[in-house]
Amino acid sequence: MQKVSFPHHSVRMVGNLFLPANLDRTKKHPAIVVTHPFGGVKEQAAGLYAQKLAEQGFITLAFDASHYGESGGEPRQAEVPTDRVEDIRCAVDYLSNHPQVDAQRIGALGICAGGGYTMNAAQTEHRIKAAAGISTFDVGTARREGVGGTISFETRMKRLEEIAQQRSREARGEPVRYISFLPESDAEAAANPSVTYREGYDYYMKIARHPHSTGKYAFTSLGFQMAFFPFEQMETISPRPILLVAGSKADTLFMSQAAYHKAKEPRELFMVPGASHIDLYYKPEFVPGVVMKLKAFFGKALK
């Protein structure tokens, strides 16, 4: 693994580049950009899949999104979908100029919100020759309606008014306000109606805890999330192939299904029996099978 950096306009991005063992440096090889979930960092699920796919012969790049981890960008932990999509383009910039990468054989993989951002990027970024999502998450729908329709229109309007007032405060020089995207205690997690958020708390706060992944994000970026519609032009990815991997028990399965139904062929929705949304991030009973599916998908698409 090599620590690398590349620009996102004036922001310095930092990533981990994984090269296959015994890489033939006299040739150019296929490569995959791997995008982490909402609030995550490159050392978590994205790094795991990047490493596993490198073991299958692909050059892979897992990077910290702008505003997160070792990458630059202020305020910290600002989850702005347009920035996240541009991050992917900039990662493709880097790979397309790497001496061991075949610029005509670059794919993109995203996990959770990273899957939504990846699908959105592929709609207009034609250097992405194949796009895959694991537990793909639609940030826009989640912030407008909630997972399972738990947010009313009135609640959304109230929250947008709060965002407006907070922007004015921060413009006056007051501190950035941060809110949690996860439950904040065991008791709060146990009471949350969403399996994804309950298991997400365990993953981020216990199993894969990392100092750069705080469980919080800049409150004012919530407005940008509400305005994001990641799947609106899924049909424009065709004829480049799409793979959506989802757990059969995921309460976010409807998001992968929505992306699939908006896409045109070639497309596939690959169901992992018995898996939840978070299970596909790390569990050894599920990850190897997903990696083999990704190997076959990208192996065919980037041959």
C-alpha atoms as a PDB file:
ATOM      1  CA  MET A   1       0.000   0.000   0.000  1.00  0.00           C
ATOM      2  CA  GLN A   2       1.258   3.472  -0.915  1.00  0.00           C
ATOM      3  CA  LYS A   3       0.070   6.780   0.544  1.00  0.00           C
ATOM      4  CA  VAL A   4      -0.678   9.133  -2.369  1.00  0.00           C
ATOM      5  CA  SER A   5      -2.139  12.594  -2.829  1.00  0.00           C
ATOM      6  CA  PHE A   6      -3.905  14.404  -5.640  1.00  0.00           C
ATOM      7  CA  PRO A   7      -5.778  17.701  -6.032  1.00  0.00           C
ATOM      8  CA  HIS A   8      -9.477  18.429  -5.845  1.00  0.00           C
ATOM      9  CA  HIS A   9      -9.105  21.965  -7.173  1.00  0.00           C
ATOM     10  CA  SER A  10      -7.358  23.758  -4.262  1.00  0.00           C
ATOM     11  CA  VAL A  11      -7.964  20.907  -1.794  1.00  0.00           C
ATOM     12  CA  ARG A  12      -5.308  18.246  -1.252  1.00  0.00           C
ATOM     13  CA  MET A  13      -6.785  14.751  -1.322  1.00  0.00           C
ATOM     14  CA  VAL A  14      -5.079  11.791   0.353  1.00  0.00           C
ATOM     15  CA  GLY A  15      -5.564   8.164  -0.569  1.00  0.00           C
ATOM     16  CA  ASN A  16      -4.159   4.683  -0.161  1.00  0.00           C
ATOM     17  CA  LEU A  17      -3.088   3.082  -3.426  1.00  0.00           C
ATOM     18  CA  PHE A  18      -3.050  -0.718  -3.489  1.00  0.00           C
ATOM     19  CA  LEU A  19      -0.983  -2.528  -6.109  1.00  0.00           C
ATOM     20  CA  PRO A  20      -1.285  -6.253  -6.835  1.00  0.00           C
ATOM     21  CA  ALA A  21       1.602  -8.441  -5.745  1.00  0.00           C
ATOM     22  CA  ASN A  22       4.117  -9.124  -8.517  1.00  0.00           C
ATOM     23  CA  LEU A  23       2.695  -6.302 -10.644  1.00  0.00           C
ATOM     24  CA  ASP A  24       4.227  -6.276 -14.127  1.00  0.00           C
ATOM     25  CA  ARG A  25       5.443  -2.686 -14.346  1.00  0.00           C
ATOM     26  CA  THR A  26       6.137  -2.980 -18.057  1.00  0.00           C
ATOM     27  CA  LYS A  27       2.385  -3.103 -18.716  1.00  0.00           C
ATOM     28  CA  LYS A  28      -0.697  -1.054 -17.935  1.00  0.00           C
ATOM     29  CA  HIS A  29      -3.450  -2.530 -15.799  1.00  0.00           C
ATOM     30  CA  PRO A  30      -7.116  -2.003 -14.892  1.00  0.00           C
ATOM     31  CA  ALA A  31      -7.835   0.165 -11.856  1.00  0.00           C
ATOM     32  CA  ILE A  32     -10.763   0.832  -9.534  1.00  0.00           C
ATOM     33  CA  VAL A  33     -11.633   3.946  -7.509  1.00  0.00           C
ATOM     34  CA  VAL A  34     -13.186   2.927  -4.173  1.00  0.00           C
ATOM     35  CA  THR A  35     -15.371   5.500  -2.380  1.00  0.00           C
ATOM     36  CA  HIS A  36     -16.157   5.248   1.322  1.00  0.00           C
ATOM     37  CA  PRO A  37     -19.533   5.618   3.055  1.00  0.00           C
ATOM     38  CA  PHE A  38     -21.059   8.775   4.556  1.00  0.00           C
ATOM     39  CA  GLY A  39     -18.884   9.791   7.487  1.00  0.00           C
ATOM     40  CA  GLY A  40     -16.353   7.046   6.897  1.00  0.00           C
ATOM     41  CA  VAL A  41     -12.672   7.137   6.029  1.00  0.00           C
ATOM     42  CA  LYS A  42     -10.414   5.173   3.728  1.00  0.00           C
ATOM     43  CA  GLU A  43      -9.151   2.859   6.483  1.00  0.00           C
ATOM     44  CA  GLN A  44     -12.584   1.297   7.017  1.00  0.00           C
ATOM     45  CA  ALA A  45     -14.821  -0.559   4.521  1.00  0.00           C
ATOM     46  CA  ALA A  46     -13.400   1.164   1.442  1.00  0.00           C
ATOM     47  CA  GLY A  47      -9.866   0.184   2.393  1.00  0.00           C
ATOM     48  CA  LEU A  48     -10.916  -3.404   3.026  1.00  0.00           C
ATOM     49  CA  TYR A  49     -12.467  -3.770  -0.422  1.00  0.00           C
ATOM     50  CA  ALA A  50      -9.582  -1.929  -2.080  1.00  0.00           C
ATOM     51  CA  GLN A  51      -7.129  -4.337  -0.496  1.00  0.00           C
ATOM     52  CA  LYS A  52      -9.173  -7.417  -1.396  1.00  0.00           C
ATOM     53  CA  LEU A  53      -9.594  -6.311  -5.015  1.00  0.00           C
ATOM     54  CA  ALA A  54      -5.866  -5.594  -5.297  1.00  0.00           C
ATOM     55  CA  GLU A  55      -5.312  -9.192  -4.226  1.00  0.00           C
ATOM     56  CA  GLN A  56      -7.465 -10.147  -7.234  1.00  0.00           C
ATOM     57  CA  GLY A  57      -5.200  -8.261  -9.645  1.00  0.00           C
ATOM     58  CA  PHE A  58      -6.638  -4.734  -9.804  1.00  0.00           C
ATOM     59  CA  ILE A  59      -4.889  -1.491  -8.951  1.00  0.00           C
ATOM     60  CA  THR A  60      -7.183   0.187  -6.432  1.00  0.00           C
ATOM     61  CA  LEU A  61      -7.416   3.601  -4.805  1.00  0.00           C
ATOM     62  CA  ALA A  62      -9.303   4.189  -1.555  1.00  0.00           C
ATOM     63  CA  PHE A  63      -9.271   7.855  -0.582  1.00  0.00           C
ATOM     64  CA  ASP A  64     -10.541  10.156   2.133  1.00  0.00           C
ATOM     65  CA  ALA A  65     -13.306  12.383   0.834  1.00  0.00           C
ATOM     66  CA  SER A  66     -12.683  16.105   0.875  1.00  0.00           C
ATOM     67  CA  HIS A  67     -13.444  17.479   4.364  1.00  0.00           C
ATOM     68  CA  TYR A  68     -12.664  14.064   5.883  1.00  0.00           C
ATOM     69  CA  GLY A  69      -9.705  12.144   7.261  1.00  0.00           C
ATOM     70  CA  GLU A  70      -6.327  13.149   5.888  1.00  0.00           C
ATOM     71  CA  SER A  71      -7.815  15.083   2.967  1.00  0.00           C
ATOM     72  CA  GLY A  72      -8.227  18.840   3.144  1.00  0.00           C
ATOM     73  CA  GLY A  73     -11.362  20.920   3.017  1.00  0.00           C
ATOM     74  CA  GLU A  74     -13.142  23.216   5.464  1.00  0.00           C
ATOM     75  CA  PRO A  75     -15.307  22.948   7.413  1.00  0.00           C
ATOM     76  CA  ARG A  76     -14.351  19.474   8.535  1.00  0.00           C
ATOM     77  CA  GLN A  77     -16.894  16.671   8.121  1.00  0.00           C
ATOM     78  CA  ALA A  78     -18.960  18.646   5.619  1.00  0.00           C
ATOM     79  CA  GLU A  79     -20.976  16.042   3.689  1.00  0.00           C
ATOM     80  CA  VAL A  80     -21.654  17.889   0.436  1.00  0.00           C
ATOM     81  CA  PRO A  81     -22.760  15.487  -2.329  1.00  0.00           C
ATOM     82  CA  THR A  82     -21.429  17.598  -5.208  1.00  0.00           C
ATOM     83  CA  ASP A  83     -18.015  17.666  -3.508  1.00  0.00           C
ATOM     84  CA  ARG A  84     -18.141  13.912  -2.959  1.00  0.00           C
ATOM     85  CA  VAL A  85     -18.942  13.328  -6.645  1.00  0.00           C
ATOM     86  CA  GLU A  86     -16.133  15.651  -7.723  1.00  0.00           C
ATOM     87  CA  ASP A  87     -13.785  13.750  -5.390  1.00  0.00           C
ATOM     88  CA  ILE A  88     -14.425  10.667  -7.517  1.00  0.00           C
ATOM     89  CA  ARG A  89     -13.650  12.545 -10.718  1.00  0.00           C
ATOM     90  CA  CYS A  90     -10.407  13.809  -9.205  1.00  0.00           C
ATOM     91  CA  ALA A  91      -9.477  10.276  -8.139  1.00  0.00           C
ATOM     92  CA  VAL A  92     -10.044   9.223 -11.753  1.00  0.00           C
ATOM     93  CA  ASP A  93      -7.787  12.114 -12.805  1.00  0.00           C
ATOM     94  CA  TYR A  94      -5.052  10.628 -10.638  1.00  0.00           C
ATOM     95  CA  LEU A  95      -5.477   7.057 -11.829  1.00  0.00           C
ATOM     96  CA  SER A  96      -5.739   8.021 -15.498  1.00  0.00           C
ATOM     97  CA  ASN A  97      -2.248   9.511 -15.281  1.00  0.00           C
ATOM     98  CA  HIS A  98      -0.643   6.753 -13.213  1.00  0.00           C
ATOM     99  CA  PRO A  99       2.110   4.991 -15.203  1.00  0.00           C
ATOM    100  CA  GLN A 100       0.795   1.500 -14.369  1.00  0.00           C
ATOM    101  CA  VAL A 101      -2.876   2.245 -15.087  1.00  0.00           C
ATOM    102  CA  ASP A 102      -4.644   1.781 -18.406  1.00  0.00           C
ATOM    103  CA  ALA A 103      -6.756   4.942 -18.596  1.00  0.00           C
ATOM    104  CA  GLN A 104      -9.289   3.098 -20.762  1.00  0.00           C
ATOM    105  CA  ARG A 105      -9.888   0.494 -18.040  1.00  0.00           C
ATOM    106  CA  ILE A 106     -10.936   2.427 -14.932  1.00  0.00           C
ATOM    107  CA  GLY A 107     -13.901   1.319 -12.862  1.00  0.00           C
ATOM    108  CA  ALA A 108     -15.557   2.770  -9.787  1.00  0.00           C
ATOM    109  CA  LEU A 109     -16.903   1.129  -6.645  1.00  0.00           C
ATOM    110  CA  GLY A 110     -18.747   2.857  -3.825  1.00  0.00           C
ATOM    111  CA  ILE A 111     -20.052   1.657  -0.481  1.00  0.00           C
ATOM    112  CA  CYS A 112     -23.235   3.010   1.138  1.00  0.00           C
ATOM    113  CA  ALA A 113     -23.462   6.714   0.263  1.00  0.00           C
ATOM    114  CA  GLY A 114     -20.264   6.163  -1.714  1.00  0.00           C
ATOM    115  CA  GLY A 115     -22.331   3.883  -3.929  1.00  0.00           C
ATOM    116  CA  GLY A 116     -24.851   6.662  -4.546  1.00  0.00           C
ATOM    117  CA  TYR A 117     -22.059   9.115  -5.293  1.00  0.00           C
ATOM    118  CA  THR A 118     -20.422   6.590  -7.622  1.00  0.00           C
ATOM    119  CA  MET A 119     -23.624   6.036  -9.587  1.00  0.00           C
ATOM    120  CA  ASN A 120     -24.100   9.783  -9.861  1.00  0.00           C
ATOM    121  CA  ALA A 121     -20.519  10.368 -11.007  1.00  0.00           C
ATOM    122  CA  ALA A 122     -20.733   7.653 -13.660  1.00  0.00           C
ATOM    123  CA  GLN A 123     -23.705   9.384 -15.278  1.00  0.00           C
ATOM    124  CA  THR A 124     -21.472  12.157 -16.615  1.00  0.00           C
ATOM    125  CA  GLU A 125     -17.935  10.822 -16.081  1.00  0.00           C
ATOM    126  CA  HIS A 126     -17.272   8.643 -19.114  1.00  0.00           C
ATOM    127  CA  ARG A 127     -13.800   7.672 -17.987  1.00  0.00           C
ATOM    128  CA  ILE A 128     -15.620   5.370 -15.551  1.00  0.00           C
ATOM    129  CA  LYS A 129     -16.086   2.264 -17.672  1.00  0.00           C
ATOM    130  CA  ALA A 130     -18.025   0.254 -15.090  1.00  0.00           C
ATOM    131  CA  ALA A 131     -19.772   1.237 -11.847  1.00  0.00           C
ATOM    132  CA  ALA A 132     -20.593  -0.866  -8.807  1.00  0.00           C
ATOM    133  CA  GLY A 133     -22.252  -0.113  -5.488  1.00  0.00           C
ATOM    134  CA  ILE A 134     -22.335  -2.091  -2.245  1.00  0.00           C
ATOM    135  CA  SER A 135     -25.301  -1.354   0.061  1.00  0.00           C
ATOM    136  CA  THR A 136     -25.920   1.682  -2.142  1.00  0.00           C
ATOM    137  CA  PHE A 137     -27.465   4.543  -0.162  1.00  0.00           C
ATOM    138  CA  ASP A 138     -29.490   7.461  -1.519  1.00  0.00           C
ATOM    139  CA  VAL A 139     -28.470  10.375   0.722  1.00  0.00           C
ATOM    140  CA  GLY A 140     -31.083  12.676  -0.779  1.00  0.00           C
ATOM    141  CA  THR A 141     -34.040  10.407  -0.060  1.00  0.00           C
ATOM    142  CA  ALA A 142     -32.698   9.586   3.399  1.00  0.00           C
ATOM    143  CA  ARG A 143     -32.420  13.264   4.354  1.00  0.00           C
ATOM    144  CA  ARG A 144     -35.700  14.325   2.758  1.00  0.00           C
ATOM    145  CA  GLU A 145     -37.856  11.392   3.860  1.00  0.00           C
ATOM    146  CA  GLY A 146     -35.807   9.228   6.217  1.00  0.00           C
ATOM    147  CA  VAL A 147     -35.149   5.512   5.848  1.00  0.00           C
ATOM    148  CA  GLY A 148     -38.676   4.149   5.822  1.00  0.00           C
ATOM    149  CA  GLY A 149     -40.419   7.509   5.452  1.00  0.00           C
ATOM    150  CA  THR A 150     -39.852   8.692   9.013  1.00  0.00           C
ATOM    151  CA  ILE A 151     -39.369  12.403   8.183  1.00  0.00           C
ATOM    152  CA  SER A 152     -42.433  14.523   7.402  1.00  0.00           C
ATOM    153  CA  PHE A 153     -42.520  17.435   4.981  1.00  0.00           C
ATOM    154  CA  GLU A 154     -43.092  19.789   7.922  1.00  0.00           C
ATOM    155  CA  THR A 155     -40.055  18.440   9.750  1.00  0.00           C
ATOM    156  CA  ARG A 156     -37.936  18.897   6.636  1.00  0.00           C
ATOM    157  CA  MET A 157     -39.060  22.512   6.223  1.00  0.00           C
ATOM    158  CA  LYS A 158     -38.312  23.213   9.879  1.00  0.00           C
ATOM    159  CA  ARG A 159     -34.860  21.730   9.530  1.00  0.00           C
ATOM    160  CA  LEU A 160     -34.140  23.857   6.429  1.00  0.00           C
ATOM    161  CA  GLU A 161     -35.097  26.964   8.403  1.00  0.00           C
ATOM    162  CA  GLU A 162     -32.662  25.906  11.143  1.00  0.00           C
ATOM    163  CA  ILE A 163     -29.950  25.459   8.519  1.00  0.00           C
ATOM    164  CA  ALA A 164     -30.606  28.946   7.170  1.00  0.00           C
ATOM    165  CA  GLN A 165     -30.240  30.471  10.631  1.00  0.00           C
ATOM    166  CA  GLN A 166     -27.093  28.470  11.339  1.00  0.00           C
ATOM    167  CA  ARG A 167     -25.468  29.616   8.092  1.00  0.00           C
ATOM    168  CA  SER A 168     -26.028  33.204   9.174  1.00  0.00           C
ATOM    169  CA  ARG A 169     -24.427  32.487  12.543  1.00  0.00           C
ATOM    170  CA  GLU A 170     -21.389  30.859  10.982  1.00  0.00           C
ATOM    171  CA  ALA A 171     -21.101  33.732   8.492  1.00  0.00           C
ATOM    172  CA  ARG A 172     -20.771  35.993  11.553  1.00  0.00           C
ATOM    173  CA  GLY A 173     -17.871  33.874  12.736  1.00  0.00           C
ATOM    174  CA  GLU A 174     -19.685  31.642  15.212  1.00  0.00           C
ATOM    175  CA  PRO A 175     -18.499  28.018  15.549  1.00  0.00           C
ATOM    176  CA  VAL A 176     -19.486  25.335  13.060  1.00  0.00           C
ATOM    177  CA  ARG A 177     -22.368  23.259  14.358  1.00  0.00           C
ATOM    178  CA  TYR A 178     -21.992  19.485  14.126  1.00  0.00           C
ATOM    179  CA  ILE A 179     -24.685  16.834  14.446  1.00  0.00           C
ATOM    180  CA  SER A 180     -24.515  13.048  14.673  1.00  0.00           C
ATOM    181  CA  PHE A 181     -25.392  10.773  11.793  1.00  0.00           C
ATOM    182  CA  LEU A 182     -25.425   7.835  14.203  1.00  0.00           C
ATOM    183  CA  PRO A 183     -27.001   7.104  17.583  1.00  0.00           C
ATOM    184  CA  GLU A 184     -24.826   8.535  20.367  1.00  0.00           C
ATOM    185  CA  SER A 185     -25.135   5.811  22.993  1.00  0.00           C
ATOM    186  CA  ASP A 186     -25.917   2.129  23.363  1.00  0.00           C
ATOM    187  CA  ALA A 187     -29.373   3.008  24.671  1.00  0.00           C
ATOM    188  CA  GLU A 188     -30.096   5.385  21.789  1.00  0.00           C
ATOM    189  CA  ALA A 189     -28.877   2.792  19.294  1.00  0.00           C
ATOM    190  CA  ALA A 190     -31.093   0.093  20.799  1.00  0.00           C
ATOM    191  CA  ALA A 191     -34.119   2.386  20.482  1.00  0.00           C
ATOM    192  CA  ASN A 192     -33.472   3.355  16.847  1.00  0.00           C
ATOM    193  CA  PRO A 193     -36.037   1.763  14.494  1.00  0.00           C
ATOM    194  CA  SER A 194     -33.505   1.323  11.670  1.00  0.00           C
ATOM    195  CA  VAL A 195     -31.299  -1.775  11.664  1.00  0.00           C
ATOM    196  CA  THR A 196     -28.789   0.133   9.525  1.00  0.00           C
ATOM    197  CA  TYR A 197     -28.377   2.881  12.117  1.00  0.00           C
ATOM    198  CA  ARG A 198     -28.222   0.422  15.023  1.00  0.00           C
ATOM    199  CA  GLU A 199     -25.569  -1.689  13.315  1.00  0.00           C
ATOM    200  CA  GLY A 200     -23.842   1.430  11.986  1.00  0.00           C
ATOM    201  CA  TYR A 201     -23.343   2.608  15.551  1.00  0.00           C
ATOM    202  CA  ASP A 202     -21.629  -0.665  16.432  1.00  0.00           C
ATOM    203  CA  TYR A 203     -19.480  -0.577  13.293  1.00  0.00           C
ATOM    204  CA  TYR A 204     -18.272   3.027  13.512  1.00  0.00           C
ATOM    205  CA  MET A 205     -18.106   3.393  17.269  1.00  0.00           C
ATOM    206  CA  LYS A 206     -16.791  -0.076  18.212  1.00  0.00           C
ATOM    207  CA  ILE A 207     -15.842  -2.576  15.493  1.00  0.00           C
ATOM    208  CA  ALA A 208     -14.069  -0.262  13.027  1.00  0.00           C
ATOM    209  CA  ARG A 209     -13.615   2.846  15.161  1.00  0.00           C
ATOM    210  CA  HIS A 210     -11.128   5.339  13.723  1.00  0.00           C
ATOM    211  CA  PRO A 211     -10.100   8.737  15.100  1.00  0.00           C
ATOM    212  CA  HIS A 212     -10.881  10.428  11.776  1.00  0.00           C
ATOM    213  CA  SER A 213     -14.413   9.010  11.672  1.00  0.00           C
ATOM    214  CA  THR A 214     -16.254  10.956  14.362  1.00  0.00           C
ATOM    215  CA  GLY A 215     -19.877  10.002  13.732  1.00  0.00           C
ATOM    216  CA  LYS A 216     -20.706  13.675  13.153  1.00  0.00           C
ATOM    217  CA  TYR A 217     -21.043  16.027  10.196  1.00  0.00           C
ATOM    218  CA  ALA A 218     -21.439  19.757   9.611  1.00  0.00           C
ATOM    219  CA  PHE A 219     -25.095  20.623  10.166  1.00  0.00           C
ATOM    220  CA  THR A 220     -25.362  23.113   7.316  1.00  0.00           C
ATOM    221  CA  SER A 221     -24.320  20.469   4.773  1.00  0.00           C
ATOM    222  CA  LEU A 222     -27.648  18.749   5.462  1.00  0.00           C
ATOM    223  CA  GLY A 223     -29.328  21.183   3.077  1.00  0.00           C
ATOM    224  CA  PHE A 224     -27.057  20.112   0.223  1.00  0.00           C
ATOM    225  CA  GLN A 225     -27.895  16.488   0.971  1.00  0.00           C
ATOM    226  CA  MET A 226     -31.632  17.173   0.762  1.00  0.00           C
ATOM    227  CA  ALA A 227     -31.107  18.661  -2.695  1.00  0.00           C
ATOM    228  CA  PHE A 228     -29.301  15.581  -4.036  1.00  0.00           C
ATOM    229  CA  PHE A 229     -31.021  13.138  -6.425  1.00  0.00           C
ATOM    230  CA  PRO A 230     -28.322  10.579  -7.210  1.00  0.00           C
ATOM    231  CA  PHE A 231     -30.278   8.268  -9.506  1.00  0.00           C
ATOM    232  CA  GLU A 232     -32.078  10.756 -11.753  1.00  0.00           C
ATOM    233  CA  GLN A 233     -30.067   9.962 -14.890  1.00  0.00           C
ATOM    234  CA  MET A 234     -29.073   6.352 -14.268  1.00  0.00           C
ATOM    235  CA  GLU A 235     -30.065   5.478 -17.832  1.00  0.00           C
ATOM    236  CA  THR A 236     -27.183   7.583 -19.175  1.00  0.00           C
ATOM    237  CA  ILE A 237     -24.611   5.152 -17.756  1.00  0.00           C
ATOM    238  CA  SER A 238     -25.650   2.565 -20.362  1.00  0.00           C
ATOM    239  CA  PRO A 239     -24.022   0.848 -22.270  1.00  0.00           C
ATOM    240  CA  ARG A 240     -21.408   0.841 -19.514  1.00  0.00           C
ATOM    241  CA  PRO A 241     -22.279  -1.917 -17.020  1.00  0.00           C
ATOM    242  CA  ILE A 242     -23.711  -1.433 -13.529  1.00  0.00           C
ATOM    243  CA  LEU A 243     -23.595  -3.821 -10.568  1.00  0.00           C
ATOM    244  CA  LEU A 244     -25.582  -3.189  -7.390  1.00  0.00           C
ATOM    245  CA  VAL A 245     -24.836  -5.474  -4.429  1.00  0.00           C
ATOM    246  CA  ALA A 246     -27.312  -5.490  -1.560  1.00  0.00           C
ATOM    247  CA  GLY A 247     -28.141  -7.613   1.452  1.00  0.00           C
ATOM    248  CA  SER A 248     -31.514  -9.342   1.374  1.00  0.00           C
ATOM    249  CA  LYS A 249     -32.195  -8.143   4.939  1.00  0.00           C
ATOM    250  CA  ALA A 250     -31.039  -4.539   4.414  1.00  0.00           C
ATOM    251  CA  ASP A 251     -33.636  -1.903   5.254  1.00  0.00           C
ATOM    252  CA  THR A 252     -31.970   0.158   2.521  1.00  0.00           C
ATOM    253  CA  LEU A 253     -32.548  -2.510  -0.144  1.00  0.00           C
ATOM    254  CA  PHE A 254     -35.217  -0.306  -1.736  1.00  0.00           C
ATOM    255  CA  MET A 255     -32.493   2.207  -2.631  1.00  0.00           C
ATOM    256  CA  SER A 256     -30.483  -0.329  -4.644  1.00  0.00           C
ATOM    257  CA  GLN A 257     -33.731  -1.442  -6.260  1.00  0.00           C
ATOM    258  CA  ALA A 258     -34.576   2.156  -7.186  1.00  0.00           C
ATOM    259  CA  ALA A 259     -31.182   2.637  -8.814  1.00  0.00           C
ATOM    260  CA  TYR A 260     -31.534  -0.667 -10.659  1.00  0.00           C
ATOM    261  CA  HIS A 261     -34.983   0.179 -12.021  1.00  0.00           C
ATOM    262  CA  LYS A 262     -33.814   3.570 -13.290  1.00  0.00           C
ATOM    263  CA  ALA A 263     -30.803   2.058 -15.058  1.00  0.00           C
ATOM    264  CA  LYS A 264     -30.677   0.464 -18.486  1.00  0.00           C
ATOM    265  CA  GLU A 265     -28.877  -2.687 -19.533  1.00  0.00           C
ATOM    266  CA  PRO A 266     -26.333  -3.993 -18.855  1.00  0.00           C
ATOM    267  CA  ARG A 267     -27.259  -3.955 -15.163  1.00  0.00           C
ATOM    268  CA  GLU A 268     -27.443  -6.430 -12.302  1.00  0.00           C
ATOM    269  CA  LEU A 269     -28.853  -6.386  -8.785  1.00  0.00           C
ATOM    270  CA  PHE A 270     -26.908  -9.028  -6.861  1.00  0.00           C
ATOM    271  CA  MET A 271     -28.619 -10.062  -3.648  1.00  0.00           C
ATOM    272  CA  VAL A 272     -26.621 -11.437  -0.720  1.00  0.00           C
ATOM    273  CA  PRO A 273     -28.934 -13.752   1.245  1.00  0.00           C
ATOM    274  CA  GLY A 274     -29.171 -13.060   4.956  1.00  0.00           C
ATOM    275  CA  ALA A 275     -27.051  -9.901   4.913  1.00  0.00           C
ATOM    276  CA  SER A 276     -27.965  -6.484   6.293  1.00  0.00           C
ATOM    277  CA  HIS A 277     -26.677  -3.141   5.008  1.00  0.00           C
ATOM    278  CA  ILE A 278     -23.728  -2.981   7.429  1.00  0.00           C
ATOM    279  CA  ASP A 279     -22.934  -6.720   7.190  1.00  0.00           C
ATOM    280  CA  LEU A 280     -21.475  -6.130   3.732  1.00  0.00           C
ATOM    281  CA  TYR A 281     -18.960  -3.616   5.125  1.00  0.00           C
ATOM    282  CA  TYR A 282     -16.842  -6.147   6.943  1.00  0.00           C
ATOM    283  CA  LYS A 283     -18.286  -9.532   7.915  1.00  0.00           C
ATOM    284  CA  PRO A 284     -16.112 -12.478   6.823  1.00  0.00           C
ATOM    285  CA  GLU A 285     -19.139 -14.610   5.970  1.00  0.00           C
ATOM    286  CA  PHE A 286     -20.190 -12.070   3.315  1.00  0.00           C
ATOM    287  CA  VAL A 287     -17.189 -10.032   2.114  1.00  0.00           C
ATOM    288  CA  PRO A 288     -15.312 -12.822   0.243  1.00  0.00           C
ATOM    289  CA  GLY A 289     -18.376 -13.672  -1.843  1.00  0.00           C
ATOM    290  CA  VAL A 290     -18.934  -9.999  -2.681  1.00  0.00           C
ATOM    291  CA  VAL A 291     -15.274  -9.642  -3.649  1.00  0.00           C
ATOM    292  CA  MET A 292     -15.564 -12.611  -6.017  1.00  0.00           C
ATOM    293  CA  LYS A 293     -18.652 -11.058  -7.596  1.00  0.00           C
ATOM    294  CA  LEU A 294     -16.814  -7.748  -8.021  1.00  0.00           C
ATOM    295  CA  LYS A 295     -13.806  -9.571  -9.473  1.00  0.00           C
ATOM    296  CA  ALA A 296     -15.987 -11.190 -12.122  1.00  0.00           C
ATOM    297  CA  PHE A 297     -17.843  -7.950 -12.852  1.00  0.00           C
ATOM    298  CA  PHE A 298     -14.799  -5.712 -13.195  1.00  0.00           C
ATOM    299  CA  GLY A 299     -12.756  -8.471 -14.816  1.00  0.00           C
ATOM    300  CA  LYS A 300     -15.257  -8.634 -17.668  1.00  0.00           C
ATOM    301  CA  ALA A 301     -15.986  -4.905 -17.872  1.00  0.00           C
ATOM    302  CA  LEU A 302     -12.348  -3.766 -17.761  1.00  0.00           C
ATOM    303  CA  LYS A 303     -10.733  -6.528 -19.833  1.00  0.00           C
END
